[in-house]
PDB file of N, CA and C in Angstrom:
ATOM      1  N   UNK A   1    -108.753 175.733  26.417  1.00  0.00           N
ATOM      2  CA  UNK A   1    -109.296 174.724  26.240  1.00  0.00           C
ATOM      3  C   UNK A   1    -110.440 174.472  26.583  1.00  0.00           C
ATOM      4  N   UNK A   2    -111.549 174.155  26.247  1.00  0.00           N
ATOM      5  CA  UNK A   2    -113.150 174.550  26.958  1.00  0.00           C
ATOM      6  C   UNK A   2    -113.193 172.962  27.623  1.00  0.00           C
ATOM      7  N   UNK A   3    -113.912 173.214  28.684  1.00  0.00           N
ATOM      8  CA  UNK A   3    -114.875 172.687  29.703  1.00  0.00           C
ATOM      9  C   UNK A   3    -115.647 172.527  29.282  1.00  0.00           C
ATOM     10  N   UNK A   4    -116.745 171.070  29.188  1.00  0.00           N
ATOM     11  CA  UNK A   4    -118.143 170.614  29.201  1.00  0.00           C
ATOM     12  C   UNK A   4    -118.142 170.694  31.022  1.00  0.00           C
ATOM     13  N   UNK A   5    -119.228 171.188  30.606  1.00  0.00           N
ATOM     14  CA  UNK A   5    -120.654 170.755  32.372  1.00  0.00           C
ATOM     15  C   UNK A   5    -122.085 170.191  32.028  1.00  0.00           C
ATOM     16  N   UNK A   6    -122.149 169.351  32.721  1.00  0.00           N
ATOM     17  CA  UNK A   6    -123.485 168.906  32.272  1.00  0.00           C
ATOM     18  C   UNK A   6    -124.768 169.715  32.858  1.00  0.00           C
ATOM     19  N   UNK A   7    -125.495 169.921  32.865  1.00  0.00           N
ATOM     20  CA  UNK A   7    -126.900 170.601  33.752  1.00  0.00           C
ATOM     21  C   UNK A   7    -128.009 169.734  33.651  1.00  0.00           C
ATOM     22  N   UNK A   8    -128.794 170.106  34.387  1.00  0.00           N
ATOM     23  CA  UNK A   8    -129.901 168.872  34.854  1.00  0.00           C
ATOM     24  C   UNK A   8    -130.684 169.753  34.649  1.00  0.00           C
ATOM     25  N   UNK A   9    -131.870 169.910  33.993  1.00  0.00           N
ATOM     26  CA  UNK A   9    -133.357 170.520  33.427  1.00  0.00           C
ATOM     27  C   UNK A   9    -133.446 171.183  34.768  1.00  0.00           C
ATOM     28  N   UNK A  10    -133.543 171.139  36.012  1.00  0.00           N
ATOM     29  CA  UNK A  10    -133.361 172.063  36.888  1.00  0.00           C
ATOM     30  C   UNK A  10    -133.208 172.441  37.451  1.00  0.00           C
ATOM     31  N   UNK A  11    -131.178 172.627  37.244  1.00  0.00           N
ATOM     32  CA  UNK A  11    -130.000 173.481  36.799  1.00  0.00           C
ATOM     33  C   UNK A  11    -130.336 174.588  36.253  1.00  0.00           C
ATOM     34  N   UNK A  12    -130.919 174.122  35.166  1.00  0.00           N
ATOM     35  CA  UNK A  12    -130.323 175.390  34.014  1.00  0.00           C
ATOM     36  C   UNK A  12    -132.303 176.280  34.225  1.00  0.00           C
ATOM     37  N   UNK A  13    -133.636 175.328  34.895  1.00  0.00           N
ATOM     38  CA  UNK A  13    -134.188 176.429  34.971  1.00  0.00           C
ATOM     39  C   UNK A  13    -133.932 177.672  36.046  1.00  0.00           C
ATOM     40  N   UNK A  14    -133.230 176.499  37.009  1.00  0.00           N
ATOM     41  CA  UNK A  14    -132.692 177.952  38.599  1.00  0.00           C
ATOM     42  C   UNK A  14    -131.984 178.745  38.193  1.00  0.00           C
ATOM     43  N   UNK A  15    -131.025 177.986  36.994  1.00  0.00           N
ATOM     44  CA  UNK A  15    -129.800 179.200  36.192  1.00  0.00           C
ATOM     45  C   UNK A  15    -130.771 180.061  35.784  1.00  0.00           C
ATOM     46  N   UNK A  16    -131.530 179.987  35.024  1.00  0.00           N
ATOM     47  CA  UNK A  16    -132.406 181.187  33.938  1.00  0.00           C
ATOM     48  C   UNK A  16    -133.223 182.070  35.265  1.00  0.00           C
ATOM     49  N   UNK A  17    -133.900 181.415  35.689  1.00  0.00           N
ATOM     50  CA  UNK A  17    -134.172 182.453  37.029  1.00  0.00           C
ATOM     51  C   UNK A  17    -134.451 183.021  37.808  1.00  0.00           C
ATOM     52  N   UNK A  18    -132.495 182.815  38.009  1.00  0.00           N
ATOM     53  CA  UNK A  18    -131.622 183.553  39.028  1.00  0.00           C
ATOM     54  C   UNK A  18    -131.709 184.773  37.858  1.00  0.00           C
ATOM     55  N   UNK A  19    -131.034 184.444  36.577  1.00  0.00           N
ATOM     56  CA  UNK A  19    -130.539 185.489  35.738  1.00  0.00           C
ATOM     57  C   UNK A  19    -131.609 186.440  35.545  1.00  0.00           C
ATOM     58  N   UNK A  20    -132.814 185.917  35.220  1.00  0.00           N
ATOM     59  CA  UNK A  20    -134.304 186.921  35.681  1.00  0.00           C
ATOM     60  C   UNK A  20    -134.614 187.469  36.253  1.00  0.00           C
ATOM     61  N   UNK A  21    -134.175 187.528  37.466  1.00  0.00           N
ATOM     62  CA  UNK A  21    -134.912 187.940  38.624  1.00  0.00           C
ATOM     63  C   UNK A  21    -133.487 188.829  38.904  1.00  0.00           C
ATOM     64  N   UNK A  22    -132.259 188.741  38.830  1.00  0.00           N
ATOM     65  CA  UNK A  22    -131.715 189.936  38.688  1.00  0.00           C
ATOM     66  C   UNK A  22    -131.384 190.692  37.710  1.00  0.00           C
ATOM     67  N   UNK A  23    -131.837 190.654  37.045  1.00  0.00           N
ATOM     68  CA  UNK A  23    -131.896 191.419  35.579  1.00  0.00           C
ATOM     69  C   UNK A  23    -133.229 192.456  36.344  1.00  0.00           C
ATOM     70  N   UNK A  24    -134.420 191.905  37.034  1.00  0.00           N
ATOM     71  CA  UNK A  24    -135.213 192.686  37.776  1.00  0.00           C
ATOM     72  C   UNK A  24    -134.862 193.559  38.562  1.00  0.00           C
ATOM     73  N   UNK A  25    -133.519 193.812  38.955  1.00  0.00           N
ATOM     74  CA  UNK A  25    -133.260 194.276  40.774  1.00  0.00           C
ATOM     75  C   UNK A  25    -133.663 195.841  39.996  1.00  0.00           C
ATOM     76  N   UNK A  26    -133.175 196.954  40.822  1.00  0.00           N
ATOM     77  CA  UNK A  26    -133.182 197.883  40.378  1.00  0.00           C
ATOM     78  C   UNK A  26    -131.454 198.481  41.295  1.00  0.00           C
ATOM     79  N   UNK A  27    -131.314 199.465  40.334  1.00  0.00           N
ATOM     80  CA  UNK A  27    -130.313 199.641  41.474  1.00  0.00           C
ATOM     81  C   UNK A  27    -130.402 201.279  41.793  1.00  0.00           C
ATOM     82  N   UNK A  28    -131.774 201.071  43.206  1.00  0.00           N
ATOM     83  CA  UNK A  28    -131.845 202.583  43.823  1.00  0.00           C
ATOM     84  C   UNK A  28    -130.915 203.654  43.900  1.00  0.00           C
ATOM     85  N   UNK A  29    -129.783 203.457  43.782  1.00  0.00           N
ATOM     86  CA  UNK A  29    -128.401 204.207  44.509  1.00  0.00           C
ATOM     87  C   UNK A  29    -128.199 204.761  42.967  1.00  0.00           C
ATOM     88  N   UNK A  30    -127.962 204.019  42.480  1.00  0.00           N
ATOM     89  CA  UNK A  30    -127.510 204.822  40.996  1.00  0.00           C
ATOM     90  C   UNK A  30    -129.136 205.595  40.299  1.00  0.00           C
ATOM     91  N   UNK A  31    -129.953 204.816  40.690  1.00  0.00           N
ATOM     92  CA  UNK A  31    -131.038 205.539  40.148  1.00  0.00           C
ATOM     93  C   UNK A  31    -131.366 207.188  40.749  1.00  0.00           C
ATOM     94  N   UNK A  32    -131.648 207.333  42.063  1.00  0.00           N
ATOM     95  CA  UNK A  32    -130.690 208.548  42.877  1.00  0.00           C
ATOM     96  C   UNK A  32    -130.081 209.020  42.721  1.00  0.00           C
ATOM     97  N   UNK A  33    -129.440 208.678  42.937  1.00  0.00           N
ATOM     98  CA  UNK A  33    -128.604 209.542  42.306  1.00  0.00           C
ATOM     99  C   UNK A  33    -128.653 210.632  41.237  1.00  0.00           C
ATOM    100  N   UNK A  34    -128.482 209.449  39.686  1.00  0.00           N
ATOM    101  CA  UNK A  34    -128.972 210.752  38.406  1.00  0.00           C
ATOM    102  C   UNK A  34    -130.244 211.348  38.911  1.00  0.00           C
ATOM    103  N   UNK A  35    -130.986 211.214  39.458  1.00  0.00           N
ATOM    104  CA  UNK A  35    -132.144 212.001  39.656  1.00  0.00           C
ATOM    105  C   UNK A  35    -131.557 213.170  39.870  1.00  0.00           C
ATOM    106  N   UNK A  36    -131.230 212.995  41.332  1.00  0.00           N
ATOM    107  CA  UNK A  36    -130.858 214.093  42.222  1.00  0.00           C
ATOM    108  C   UNK A  36    -129.731 214.918  41.235  1.00  0.00           C
ATOM    109  N   UNK A  37    -128.615 214.683  39.978  1.00  0.00           N
ATOM    110  CA  UNK A  37    -127.835 214.948  39.389  1.00  0.00           C
ATOM    111  C   UNK A  37    -129.059 215.451  38.799  1.00  0.00           C
ATOM    112  N   UNK A  38    -129.641 215.156  37.698  1.00  0.00           N
ATOM    113  CA  UNK A  38    -131.125 215.970  36.817  1.00  0.00           C
ATOM    114  C   UNK A  38    -131.537 216.487  37.450  1.00  0.00           C
ATOM    115  N   UNK A  39    -132.186 217.075  38.592  1.00  0.00           N
ATOM    116  CA  UNK A  39    -133.062 217.245  38.687  1.00  0.00           C
ATOM    117  C   UNK A  39    -132.447 218.492  39.654  1.00  0.00           C
ATOM    118  N   UNK A  40    -131.004 218.865  40.166  1.00  0.00           N
ATOM    119  CA  UNK A  40    -130.136 219.966  40.634  1.00  0.00           C
ATOM    120  C   UNK A  40    -129.206 220.853  39.714  1.00  0.00           C
ATOM    121  N   UNK A  41    -129.104 219.945  38.336  1.00  0.00           N
ATOM    122  CA  UNK A  41    -129.398 220.590  37.430  1.00  0.00           C
ATOM    123  C   UNK A  41    -129.160 221.961  36.261  1.00  0.00           C
ATOM    124  N   UNK A  42    -130.131 221.826  34.881  1.00  0.00           N
ATOM    125  CA  UNK A  42    -130.648 222.673  34.481  1.00  0.00           C
ATOM    126  C   UNK A  42    -131.810 221.773  34.357  1.00  0.00           C
ATOM    127  N   UNK A  43    -133.410 223.161  33.689  1.00  0.00           N
ATOM    128  CA  UNK A  43    -134.630 222.202  33.015  1.00  0.00           C
ATOM    129  C   UNK A  43    -134.359 222.844  31.300  1.00  0.00           C
ATOM    130  N   UNK A  44    -134.104 221.948  30.797  1.00  0.00           N
ATOM    131  CA  UNK A  44    -133.350 221.244  29.511  1.00  0.00           C
ATOM    132  C   UNK A  44    -134.377 219.841  29.500  1.00  0.00           C
ATOM    133  N   UNK A  45    -135.155 220.236  28.054  1.00  0.00           N
ATOM    134  CA  UNK A  45    -136.175 219.406  27.264  1.00  0.00           C
ATOM    135  C   UNK A  45    -134.843 217.287  27.219  1.00  0.00           C
ATOM    136  N   UNK A  46    -133.559 217.405  27.614  1.00  0.00           N
ATOM    137  CA  UNK A  46    -132.995 215.957  28.090  1.00  0.00           C
ATOM    138  C   UNK A  46    -133.144 215.344  28.908  1.00  0.00           C
ATOM    139  N   UNK A  47    -133.022 216.913  29.942  1.00  0.00           N
ATOM    140  CA  UNK A  47    -133.140 217.234  31.299  1.00  0.00           C
ATOM    141  C   UNK A  47    -133.932 215.927  31.936  1.00  0.00           C
ATOM    142  N   UNK A  48    -135.358 216.063  31.258  1.00  0.00           N
ATOM    143  CA  UNK A  48    -136.280 216.249  31.743  1.00  0.00           C
ATOM    144  C   UNK A  48    -136.605 215.059  30.902  1.00  0.00           C
ATOM    145  N   UNK A  49    -136.917 214.520  29.358  1.00  0.00           N
ATOM    146  CA  UNK A  49    -136.473 213.265  28.743  1.00  0.00           C
ATOM    147  C   UNK A  49    -135.717 211.994  29.792  1.00  0.00           C
ATOM    148  N   UNK A  50    -134.121 212.312  30.242  1.00  0.00           N
ATOM    149  CA  UNK A  50    -134.081 211.636  31.157  1.00  0.00           C
ATOM    150  C   UNK A  50    -134.915 211.353  31.965  1.00  0.00           C
ATOM    151  N   UNK A  51    -134.846 211.702  33.435  1.00  0.00           N
ATOM    152  CA  UNK A  51    -135.915 211.839  34.519  1.00  0.00           C
ATOM    153  C   UNK A  51    -136.849 211.209  33.781  1.00  0.00           C
ATOM    154  N   UNK A  52    -137.810 211.772  32.800  1.00  0.00           N
ATOM    155  CA  UNK A  52    -139.084 210.372  32.560  1.00  0.00           C
ATOM    156  C   UNK A  52    -138.087 208.679  32.541  1.00  0.00           C
ATOM    157  N   UNK A  53    -137.075 208.546  31.818  1.00  0.00           N
ATOM    158  CA  UNK A  53    -136.323 207.489  31.676  1.00  0.00           C
ATOM    159  C   UNK A  53    -136.073 206.501  33.307  1.00  0.00           C
ATOM    160  N   UNK A  54    -135.703 207.652  33.886  1.00  0.00           N
ATOM    161  CA  UNK A  54    -135.375 207.183  35.305  1.00  0.00           C
ATOM    162  C   UNK A  54    -136.703 206.579  35.875  1.00  0.00           C
ATOM    163  N   UNK A  55    -137.522 206.975  35.757  1.00  0.00           N
ATOM    164  CA  UNK A  55    -138.826 207.284  36.578  1.00  0.00           C
ATOM    165  C   UNK A  55    -139.851 205.983  35.798  1.00  0.00           C
ATOM    166  N   UNK A  56    -139.742 206.282  34.677  1.00  0.00           N
ATOM    167  CA  UNK A  56    -140.053 204.514  33.908  1.00  0.00           C
ATOM    168  C   UNK A  56    -140.196 203.102  34.528  1.00  0.00           C
ATOM    169  N   UNK A  57    -138.127 203.462  34.857  1.00  0.00           N
ATOM    170  CA  UNK A  57    -138.451 202.141  35.737  1.00  0.00           C
ATOM    171  C   UNK A  57    -138.815 201.410  36.383  1.00  0.00           C
ATOM    172  N   UNK A  58    -139.599 202.631  37.455  1.00  0.00           N
ATOM    173  CA  UNK A  58    -140.236 201.947  38.103  1.00  0.00           C
ATOM    174  C   UNK A  58    -142.018 200.983  38.187  1.00  0.00           C
ATOM    175  N   UNK A  59    -141.441 200.021  38.355  1.00  0.00           N
ATOM    176  CA  UNK A  59    -143.016 199.827  38.048  1.00  0.00           C
ATOM    177  C   UNK A  59    -144.345 199.292  39.484  1.00  0.00           C
ATOM    178  N   UNK A  60    -143.568 199.010  40.857  1.00  0.00           N
ATOM    179  CA  UNK A  60    -144.070 198.334  42.169  1.00  0.00           C
ATOM    180  C   UNK A  60    -144.715 200.144  42.379  1.00  0.00           C
ATOM    181  N   UNK A  61    -144.959 199.640  43.796  1.00  0.00           N
ATOM    182  CA  UNK A  61    -145.342 200.937  45.054  1.00  0.00           C
ATOM    183  C   UNK A  61    -143.912 200.314  46.144  1.00  0.00           C
ATOM    184  N   UNK A  62    -143.602 199.379  45.824  1.00  0.00           N
ATOM    185  CA  UNK A  62    -142.634 199.064  46.374  1.00  0.00           C
ATOM    186  C   UNK A  62    -140.854 199.967  46.009  1.00  0.00           C
ATOM    187  N   UNK A  63    -141.128 199.460  44.752  1.00  0.00           N
ATOM    188  CA  UNK A  63    -140.950 200.698  44.231  1.00  0.00           C
ATOM    189  C   UNK A  63    -139.876 201.745  43.757  1.00  0.00           C
ATOM    190  N   UNK A  64    -141.093 202.443  44.307  1.00  0.00           N
ATOM    191  CA  UNK A  64    -141.393 203.519  44.513  1.00  0.00           C
ATOM    192  C   UNK A  64    -141.100 204.696  45.661  1.00  0.00           C
ATOM    193  N   UNK A  65    -141.419 203.314  46.921  1.00  0.00           N
ATOM    194  CA  UNK A  65    -141.475 203.672  48.140  1.00  0.00           C
ATOM    195  C   UNK A  65    -139.735 203.496  47.854  1.00  0.00           C
ATOM    196  N   UNK A  66    -138.681 202.454  47.567  1.00  0.00           N
ATOM    197  CA  UNK A  66    -137.578 202.421  47.893  1.00  0.00           C
ATOM    198  C   UNK A  66    -136.901 203.399  47.270  1.00  0.00           C
ATOM    199  N   UNK A  67    -137.061 204.099  45.937  1.00  0.00           N
ATOM    200  CA  UNK A  67    -136.435 205.101  44.751  1.00  0.00           C
ATOM    201  C   UNK A  67    -136.696 206.467  46.493  1.00  0.00           C
ATOM    202  N   UNK A  68    -138.063 206.503  47.011  1.00  0.00           N
ATOM    203  CA  UNK A  68    -138.442 207.690  47.900  1.00  0.00           C
ATOM    204  C   UNK A  68    -137.076 207.613  48.531  1.00  0.00           C
ATOM    205  N   UNK A  69    -136.880 206.468  49.485  1.00  0.00           N
ATOM    206  CA  UNK A  69    -136.361 206.253  50.629  1.00  0.00           C
ATOM    207  C   UNK A  69    -134.982 206.690  50.439  1.00  0.00           C
ATOM    208  N   UNK A  70    -134.346 205.942  48.915  1.00  0.00           N
ATOM    209  CA  UNK A  70    -132.815 206.654  48.697  1.00  0.00           C
ATOM    210  C   UNK A  70    -132.686 207.658  47.808  1.00  0.00           C
ATOM    211  N   UNK A  71    -133.623 208.462  47.532  1.00  0.00           N
ATOM    212  CA  UNK A  71    -133.492 209.516  47.711  1.00  0.00           C
ATOM    213  C   UNK A  71    -133.159 210.545  48.526  1.00  0.00           C
ATOM    214  N   UNK A  72    -133.978 210.103  49.623  1.00  0.00           N
ATOM    215  CA  UNK A  72    -133.450 210.737  50.479  1.00  0.00           C
ATOM    216  C   UNK A  72    -134.739 212.517  50.732  1.00  0.00           C
ATOM    217  N   UNK A  73    -134.272 213.381  51.650  1.00  0.00           N
ATOM    218  CA  UNK A  73    -134.018 215.023  51.327  1.00  0.00           C
ATOM    219  C   UNK A  73    -132.931 215.783  51.448  1.00  0.00           C
ATOM    220  N   UNK A  74    -131.946 216.476  50.086  1.00  0.00           N
ATOM    221  CA  UNK A  74    -131.158 216.739  49.922  1.00  0.00           C
ATOM    222  C   UNK A  74    -132.167 218.095  49.603  1.00  0.00           C
ATOM    223  N   UNK A  75    -131.425 219.663  49.981  1.00  0.00           N
ATOM    224  CA  UNK A  75    -132.362 220.743  50.576  1.00  0.00           C
ATOM    225  C   UNK A  75    -133.408 220.891  51.413  1.00  0.00           C
ATOM    226  N   UNK A  76    -133.663 219.392  51.620  1.00  0.00           N
ATOM    227  CA  UNK A  76    -135.057 220.146  52.403  1.00  0.00           C
ATOM    228  C   UNK A  76    -135.947 219.240  51.780  1.00  0.00           C
ATOM    229  N   UNK A  77    -136.033 218.705  51.104  1.00  0.00           N
ATOM    230  CA  UNK A  77    -137.094 218.817  49.529  1.00  0.00           C
ATOM    231  C   UNK A  77    -137.130 217.443  49.753  1.00  0.00           C
ATOM    232  N   UNK A  78    -138.544 216.050  49.485  1.00  0.00           N
ATOM    233  CA  UNK A  78    -138.605 215.011  49.063  1.00  0.00           C
ATOM    234  C   UNK A  78    -138.217 214.998  47.164  1.00  0.00           C
ATOM    235  N   UNK A  79    -138.773 213.686  46.612  1.00  0.00           N
ATOM    236  CA  UNK A  79    -138.521 213.625  45.532  1.00  0.00           C
ATOM    237  C   UNK A  79    -139.980 214.262  44.999  1.00  0.00           C
ATOM    238  N   UNK A  80    -141.082 213.852  45.859  1.00  0.00           N
ATOM    239  CA  UNK A  80    -142.430 214.656  44.735  1.00  0.00           C
ATOM    240  C   UNK A  80    -142.358 215.949  44.751  1.00  0.00           C
ATOM    241  N   UNK A  81    -141.714 216.375  45.378  1.00  0.00           N
ATOM    242  CA  UNK A  81    -142.046 218.020  45.342  1.00  0.00           C
ATOM    243  C   UNK A  81    -140.127 218.767  45.175  1.00  0.00           C
ATOM    244  N   UNK A  82    -139.285 218.131  44.833  1.00  0.00           N
ATOM    245  CA  UNK A  82    -138.121 217.748  43.562  1.00  0.00           C
ATOM    246  C   UNK A  82    -138.325 217.793  42.459  1.00  0.00           C
ATOM    247  N   UNK A  83    -139.652 216.249  41.592  1.00  0.00           N
ATOM    248  CA  UNK A  83    -139.785 216.773  40.337  1.00  0.00           C
ATOM    249  C   UNK A  83    -140.405 217.794  40.431  1.00  0.00           C
ATOM    250  N   UNK A  84    -142.226 218.229  41.149  1.00  0.00           N
ATOM    251  CA  UNK A  84    -142.678 219.420  41.116  1.00  0.00           C
ATOM    252  C   UNK A  84    -141.933 220.176  40.524  1.00  0.00           C
ATOM    253  N   UNK A  85    -141.085 220.582  41.347  1.00  0.00           N
ATOM    254  CA  UNK A  85    -140.171 222.557  41.266  1.00  0.00           C
ATOM    255  C   UNK A  85    -139.316 222.336  39.357  1.00  0.00           C
ATOM    256  N   UNK A  86    -138.726 221.057  39.174  1.00  0.00           N
ATOM    257  CA  UNK A  86    -137.569 220.917  38.203  1.00  0.00           C
ATOM    258  C   UNK A  86    -138.968 221.136  36.663  1.00  0.00           C
ATOM    259  N   UNK A  87    -140.159 219.768  36.976  1.00  0.00           N
ATOM    260  CA  UNK A  87    -140.742 219.435  35.859  1.00  0.00           C
ATOM    261  C   UNK A  87    -141.286 220.753  35.197  1.00  0.00           C
ATOM    262  N   UNK A  88    -141.945 220.998  36.456  1.00  0.00           N
ATOM    263  CA  UNK A  88    -142.967 222.490  36.569  1.00  0.00           C
ATOM    264  C   UNK A  88    -144.784 221.696  35.179  1.00  0.00           C
ATOM    265  N   UNK A  89    -144.638 222.515  33.847  1.00  0.00           N
ATOM    266  CA  UNK A  89    -145.446 221.843  33.336  1.00  0.00           C
ATOM    267  C   UNK A  89    -145.696 220.656  32.757  1.00  0.00           C
ATOM    268  N   UNK A  90    -144.118 219.937  33.216  1.00  0.00           N
ATOM    269  CA  UNK A  90    -144.425 218.175  32.200  1.00  0.00           C
ATOM    270  C   UNK A  90    -144.291 217.437  33.864  1.00  0.00           C
ATOM    271  N   UNK A  91    -145.326 217.562  34.664  1.00  0.00           N
ATOM    272  CA  UNK A  91    -144.984 217.352  35.496  1.00  0.00           C
ATOM    273  C   UNK A  91    -145.837 215.994  35.652  1.00  0.00           C
ATOM    274  N   UNK A  92    -147.126 216.829  35.036  1.00  0.00           N
ATOM    275  CA  UNK A  92    -148.377 215.629  35.001  1.00  0.00           C
ATOM    276  C   UNK A  92    -147.906 214.501  33.683  1.00  0.00           C
ATOM    277  N   UNK A  93    -147.120 215.219  32.718  1.00  0.00           N
ATOM    278  CA  UNK A  93    -147.123 214.582  31.890  1.00  0.00           C
ATOM    279  C   UNK A  93    -146.015 212.904  32.203  1.00  0.00           C
ATOM    280  N   UNK A  94    -145.172 213.778  33.402  1.00  0.00           N
ATOM    281  CA  UNK A  94    -143.966 212.571  33.250  1.00  0.00           C
ATOM    282  C   UNK A  94    -144.145 211.372  34.740  1.00  0.00           C
ATOM    283  N   UNK A  95    -145.230 212.478  35.321  1.00  0.00           N
ATOM    284  CA  UNK A  95    -145.360 211.225  36.746  1.00  0.00           C
ATOM    285  C   UNK A  95    -146.783 211.012  36.970  1.00  0.00           C
ATOM    286  N   UNK A  96    -148.094 211.352  36.444  1.00  0.00           N
ATOM    287  CA  UNK A  96    -148.673 210.624  36.147  1.00  0.00           C
ATOM    288  C   UNK A  96    -148.546 209.409  36.135  1.00  0.00           C
ATOM    289  N   UNK A  97    -148.348 208.795  34.651  1.00  0.00           N
ATOM    290  CA  UNK A  97    -148.145 207.674  34.260  1.00  0.00           C
ATOM    291  C   UNK A  97    -147.295 205.972  35.224  1.00  0.00           C
ATOM    292  N   UNK A  98    -146.584 206.958  35.976  1.00  0.00           N
ATOM    293  CA  UNK A  98    -145.753 206.492  37.334  1.00  0.00           C
ATOM    294  C   UNK A  98    -146.669 205.849  37.894  1.00  0.00           C
ATOM    295  N   UNK A  99    -147.769 206.892  38.433  1.00  0.00           N
ATOM    296  CA  UNK A  99    -148.707 206.466  39.304  1.00  0.00           C
ATOM    297  C   UNK A  99    -148.996 205.732  39.127  1.00  0.00           C
ATOM    298  N   UNK A 100    -150.264 206.103  37.871  1.00  0.00           N
ATOM    299  CA  UNK A 100    -150.526 204.752  37.704  1.00  0.00           C
ATOM    300  C   UNK A 100    -150.168 203.691  37.710  1.00  0.00           C
ATOM    301  N   UNK A 101    -149.106 203.606  37.075  1.00  0.00           N
ATOM    302  CA  UNK A 101    -148.584 202.223  36.333  1.00  0.00           C
ATOM    303  C   UNK A 101    -148.783 201.494  38.205  1.00  0.00           C
ATOM    304  N   UNK A 102    -147.623 202.342  39.538  1.00  0.00           N
ATOM    305  CA  UNK A 102    -147.843 201.166  40.535  1.00  0.00           C
ATOM    306  C   UNK A 102    -148.507 201.445  41.445  1.00  0.00           C
ATOM    307  N   UNK A 103    -149.786 201.993  41.278  1.00  0.00           N
ATOM    308  CA  UNK A 103    -151.365 202.613  41.679  1.00  0.00           C
ATOM    309  C   UNK A 103    -151.748 200.628  41.280  1.00  0.00           C
ATOM    310  N   UNK A 104    -151.573 199.959  40.578  1.00  0.00           N
ATOM    311  CA  UNK A 104    -151.689 198.445  39.648  1.00  0.00           C
ATOM    312  C   UNK A 104    -151.333 197.871  40.383  1.00  0.00           C
ATOM    313  N   UNK A 105    -149.959 198.183  41.305  1.00  0.00           N
ATOM    314  CA  UNK A 105    -148.966 196.734  41.193  1.00  0.00           C
ATOM    315  C   UNK A 105    -149.871 196.165  43.112  1.00  0.00           C
TER     316      UNK A 105
END
């Protein structure tokens, strides 16, 4: 049996804004865990593409700071150091667009 629910325009606007804001929230814990896996496993094109796709989700300086904080310093290495070592020659190709993107935020 279906139930009819009446919404005012302001209820609908509030609901849509809430859904949009929840979609924008990034799960930094999962992102950091995925980065740790890819950066700690093997150097392949697939791995580098996966790292790039994770980093492409970050849009702001605050987001970058949060992923760095969440990633921590496994093996005494911070995220940028780990990225530099893992990505090698691909570091600039993958990290530079991120840095340009967050500088404008």
